[in-house]
């Protein structure tokens, strides 16, 4: 299926990584490359028309240490108020008429194949989300999540605090299509020191 409009990725990379204690997650290393650069390349390679990177904590340091090649960079000065503000800032930078593929910088196992799979099956007016199996094999919604261009205003309006797009998704489950990506990617987050091995998998 061909997308009805180009898709721009919104890579949320504003967090301080407080629980890890290693500085901003954007600068964690994935095989020697800053995680923000690794994920931006994955999103480009997966078929996104462009990548908007939302920085926050230590934004000047991230700009100095990461290449951010081919990315539009937005800084959320109120990053510590939660993901909602970063999502709003990122969506505001998506070109008019584009769909928005929202991804998280702390998921090093995301692959271009998973991104392409989400883009490939998107239907107009809907939300398409990567899903990964839990211990029982049940698919659970994860990231990235592709929001149709027609929904972006409503998604931004619903974003607040640390909820991001969660409230919109809970209010409109009938709009969400899941795409099984367990065979082509890993949806786990790097949140604590115990998760650091995910950076090298």
Protein backbone atom coordinates (compact mmCIF):
# COMPACT_ATOMS: atom_id res chain seq x y z
CA UNK A 1 0.00 0.00 0.00
CA UNK A 2 1.27 3.49 -0.86
CA UNK A 3 1.08 6.17 1.83
CA UNK A 4 -1.45 8.91 1.09
CA UNK A 5 1.15 11.51 2.13
CA UNK A 6 4.84 11.57 3.11
CA UNK A 7 5.70 10.55 6.66
CA UNK A 8 7.98 12.67 8.83
CA UNK A 9 9.45 11.01 11.90
CA UNK A 10 9.33 12.75 15.29
CA UNK A 11 12.16 11.37 17.42
CA UNK A 12 11.59 12.21 21.08
CA UNK A 13 15.05 12.68 22.61
CA UNK A 14 14.57 15.29 25.34
CA UNK A 15 14.95 13.19 28.48
CA UNK A 16 17.78 13.51 31.00
CA UNK A 17 18.18 9.78 31.62
CA UNK A 18 18.04 10.37 35.37
CA UNK A 19 17.53 6.71 36.31
CA UNK A 20 20.55 5.72 34.28
CA UNK A 21 22.77 8.49 35.63
CA UNK A 22 24.77 8.62 32.37
CA UNK A 23 23.56 11.94 30.98
CA UNK A 24 20.96 12.41 28.25
CA UNK A 25 19.79 9.20 26.59
CA UNK A 26 20.33 10.80 23.19
CA UNK A 27 24.10 10.47 23.75
CA UNK A 28 24.16 6.85 24.91
CA UNK A 29 26.27 4.86 22.45
CA UNK A 30 24.91 2.23 20.11
CA UNK A 31 27.94 0.46 18.64
CA UNK A 32 29.99 3.62 19.01
CA UNK A 33 27.37 6.01 17.61
CA UNK A 34 25.23 8.42 19.67
CA UNK A 35 21.81 6.84 20.04
CA UNK A 36 20.07 9.88 18.55
CA UNK A 37 22.13 9.53 15.36
CA UNK A 38 21.59 5.77 15.21
CA UNK A 39 17.81 6.13 15.52
CA UNK A 40 17.64 9.01 13.04
CA UNK A 41 19.43 6.85 10.48
CA UNK A 42 17.05 3.94 11.14
CA UNK A 43 14.05 6.22 10.59
CA UNK A 44 15.49 7.62 7.37
CA UNK A 45 16.39 4.14 6.13
CA UNK A 46 12.93 2.85 6.99
CA UNK A 47 11.32 5.29 4.59
CA UNK A 48 10.58 8.47 6.53
CA UNK A 49 10.67 11.61 4.42
CA UNK A 50 12.45 13.56 7.18
CA UNK A 51 13.28 13.37 10.89
CA UNK A 52 12.38 15.97 13.52
CA UNK A 53 14.53 15.47 16.64
CA UNK A 54 13.16 16.96 19.85
CA UNK A 55 15.92 17.77 22.34
CA UNK A 56 15.63 19.04 25.89
CA UNK A 57 18.04 18.07 28.65
CA UNK A 58 21.60 19.19 27.85
CA UNK A 59 20.44 20.21 24.37
CA UNK A 60 23.61 22.21 23.67
CA UNK A 61 25.77 19.22 24.58
CA UNK A 62 23.73 16.90 22.36
CA UNK A 63 24.04 19.35 19.46
CA UNK A 64 27.80 19.48 20.01
CA UNK A 65 28.39 15.72 20.30
CA UNK A 66 25.85 14.28 17.84
CA UNK A 67 25.89 14.74 14.07
CA UNK A 68 22.09 15.09 13.69
CA UNK A 69 22.68 14.77 9.95
CA UNK A 70 19.66 15.60 7.83
CA UNK A 71 17.50 16.27 10.90
CA UNK A 72 15.34 19.21 11.88
CA UNK A 73 16.17 19.96 15.51
CA UNK A 74 13.59 21.38 17.93
CA UNK A 75 14.40 22.19 21.56
CA UNK A 76 11.74 21.81 24.26
CA UNK A 77 12.93 24.07 27.05
CA UNK A 78 10.19 22.68 29.31
CA UNK A 79 11.33 19.09 28.75
CA UNK A 80 11.22 18.31 32.48
CA UNK A 81 7.43 18.83 32.52
CA UNK A 82 6.95 15.57 30.63
CA UNK A 83 6.77 13.97 27.21
CA UNK A 84 3.59 15.82 26.25
CA UNK A 85 5.41 19.11 25.64
CA UNK A 86 8.06 17.39 23.54
CA UNK A 87 5.40 15.66 21.44
CA UNK A 88 3.61 18.98 20.85
CA UNK A 89 6.88 20.63 19.82
CA UNK A 90 7.76 17.79 17.48
CA UNK A 91 4.36 17.64 15.82
CA UNK A 92 4.42 21.41 15.30
CA UNK A 93 7.56 20.96 13.19
CA UNK A 94 6.05 18.31 10.91
CA UNK A 95 5.40 19.79 7.44
CA UNK A 96 1.72 20.47 6.69
CA UNK A 97 -0.02 17.47 5.21
CA UNK A 98 2.58 14.96 6.36
CA UNK A 99 1.84 11.97 8.56
CA UNK A 100 3.91 11.79 11.77
CA UNK A 101 5.79 8.68 12.86
CA UNK A 102 6.60 9.07 16.56
CA UNK A 103 9.65 7.19 17.87
CA UNK A 104 11.58 7.15 21.14
CA UNK A 105 15.35 7.65 21.38
CA UNK A 106 15.74 5.02 24.10
CA UNK A 107 14.75 2.05 21.91
CA UNK A 108 18.05 0.94 20.36
CA UNK A 109 16.53 -2.23 18.91
CA UNK A 110 14.28 -0.38 16.48
CA UNK A 111 15.07 -1.40 12.91
CA UNK A 112 14.47 0.09 9.49
CA UNK A 113 12.46 -3.06 8.68
CA UNK A 114 10.04 -2.33 11.55
CA UNK A 115 9.68 1.30 10.44
CA UNK A 116 9.01 0.20 6.86
CA UNK A 117 6.44 -2.34 8.04
CA UNK A 118 4.46 0.34 9.88
CA UNK A 119 4.57 2.69 6.89
CA UNK A 120 3.59 -0.06 4.45
CA UNK A 121 0.23 -0.93 5.99
CA UNK A 122 -1.00 2.47 7.13
CA UNK A 123 -4.57 3.30 6.14
CA UNK A 124 -5.89 6.87 5.68
CA UNK A 125 -7.33 8.50 8.78
CA UNK A 126 -5.91 5.91 11.16
CA UNK A 127 -3.11 5.23 13.61
CA UNK A 128 -0.62 2.44 12.86
CA UNK A 129 1.58 1.16 15.69
CA UNK A 130 4.43 -1.31 15.93
CA UNK A 131 3.58 -4.12 18.32
CA UNK A 132 5.79 -6.64 20.06
CA UNK A 133 4.86 -9.94 21.77
CA UNK A 134 4.81 -10.14 25.56
CA UNK A 135 5.80 -13.28 27.48
CA UNK A 136 2.51 -14.96 26.52
CA UNK A 137 2.87 -14.06 22.85
CA UNK A 138 0.17 -11.38 22.93
CA UNK A 139 0.99 -8.37 20.76
CA UNK A 140 1.41 -5.20 22.81
CA UNK A 141 1.39 -1.72 21.30
CA UNK A 142 4.79 -0.04 21.24
CA UNK A 143 6.75 2.42 19.11
CA UNK A 144 7.01 3.74 16.52
CA UNK A 145 3.43 4.97 16.10
CA UNK A 146 2.29 6.52 12.82
CA UNK A 147 -0.40 9.18 13.18
CA UNK A 148 -2.32 10.15 10.08
CA UNK A 149 -1.92 13.76 8.97
CA UNK A 150 -5.62 14.35 9.61
CA UNK A 151 -5.20 13.48 13.30
CA UNK A 152 -2.15 15.55 14.26
CA UNK A 153 -4.02 18.55 15.64
CA UNK A 154 -6.14 16.33 17.88
CA UNK A 155 -3.10 14.37 19.05
CA UNK A 156 -1.22 17.57 19.90
CA UNK A 157 -4.22 19.00 21.72
CA UNK A 158 -4.47 15.88 23.90
CA UNK A 159 -0.76 15.76 24.80
CA UNK A 160 0.06 16.92 28.32
CA UNK A 161 2.31 16.04 31.23
CA UNK A 162 4.11 12.75 30.76
CA UNK A 163 1.26 11.09 28.87
CA UNK A 164 2.43 11.99 25.38
CA UNK A 165 -0.16 10.56 22.97
CA UNK A 166 -1.41 7.99 25.48
CA UNK A 167 -4.68 9.80 26.22
CA UNK A 168 -5.52 10.15 22.53
CA UNK A 169 -4.81 6.47 21.91
CA UNK A 170 -6.91 5.37 24.88
CA UNK A 171 -9.79 7.58 23.76
CA UNK A 172 -9.72 6.23 20.19
CA UNK A 173 -8.84 2.52 20.26
CA UNK A 174 -11.03 1.98 17.20
CA UNK A 175 -8.53 3.96 15.11
CA UNK A 176 -5.44 1.91 16.02
CA UNK A 177 -4.01 -0.84 13.82
CA UNK A 178 -1.20 -2.98 15.22
CA UNK A 179 1.68 -4.31 13.13
CA UNK A 180 3.64 -7.25 14.52
CA UNK A 181 7.32 -6.25 14.50
CA UNK A 182 8.80 -8.80 16.87
CA UNK A 183 10.58 -10.64 14.08
CA UNK A 184 12.29 -7.52 12.75
CA UNK A 185 12.94 -5.38 15.81
CA UNK A 186 13.02 -4.97 19.55
CA UNK A 187 10.70 -2.54 21.28
CA UNK A 188 12.36 -2.53 24.69
CA UNK A 189 13.42 0.75 26.33
CA UNK A 190 16.74 1.53 27.98
CA UNK A 191 15.50 2.87 31.33
CA UNK A 192 17.77 1.42 34.01
CA UNK A 193 21.38 0.16 34.23
CA UNK A 194 20.02 -3.38 33.80
CA UNK A 195 18.87 -2.40 30.30
CA UNK A 196 22.27 -1.21 29.08
CA UNK A 197 23.06 -4.53 27.31
CA UNK A 198 20.31 -3.62 24.83
CA UNK A 199 22.69 -1.01 23.42
CA UNK A 200 25.00 -3.77 22.15
CA UNK A 201 22.49 -6.44 21.06
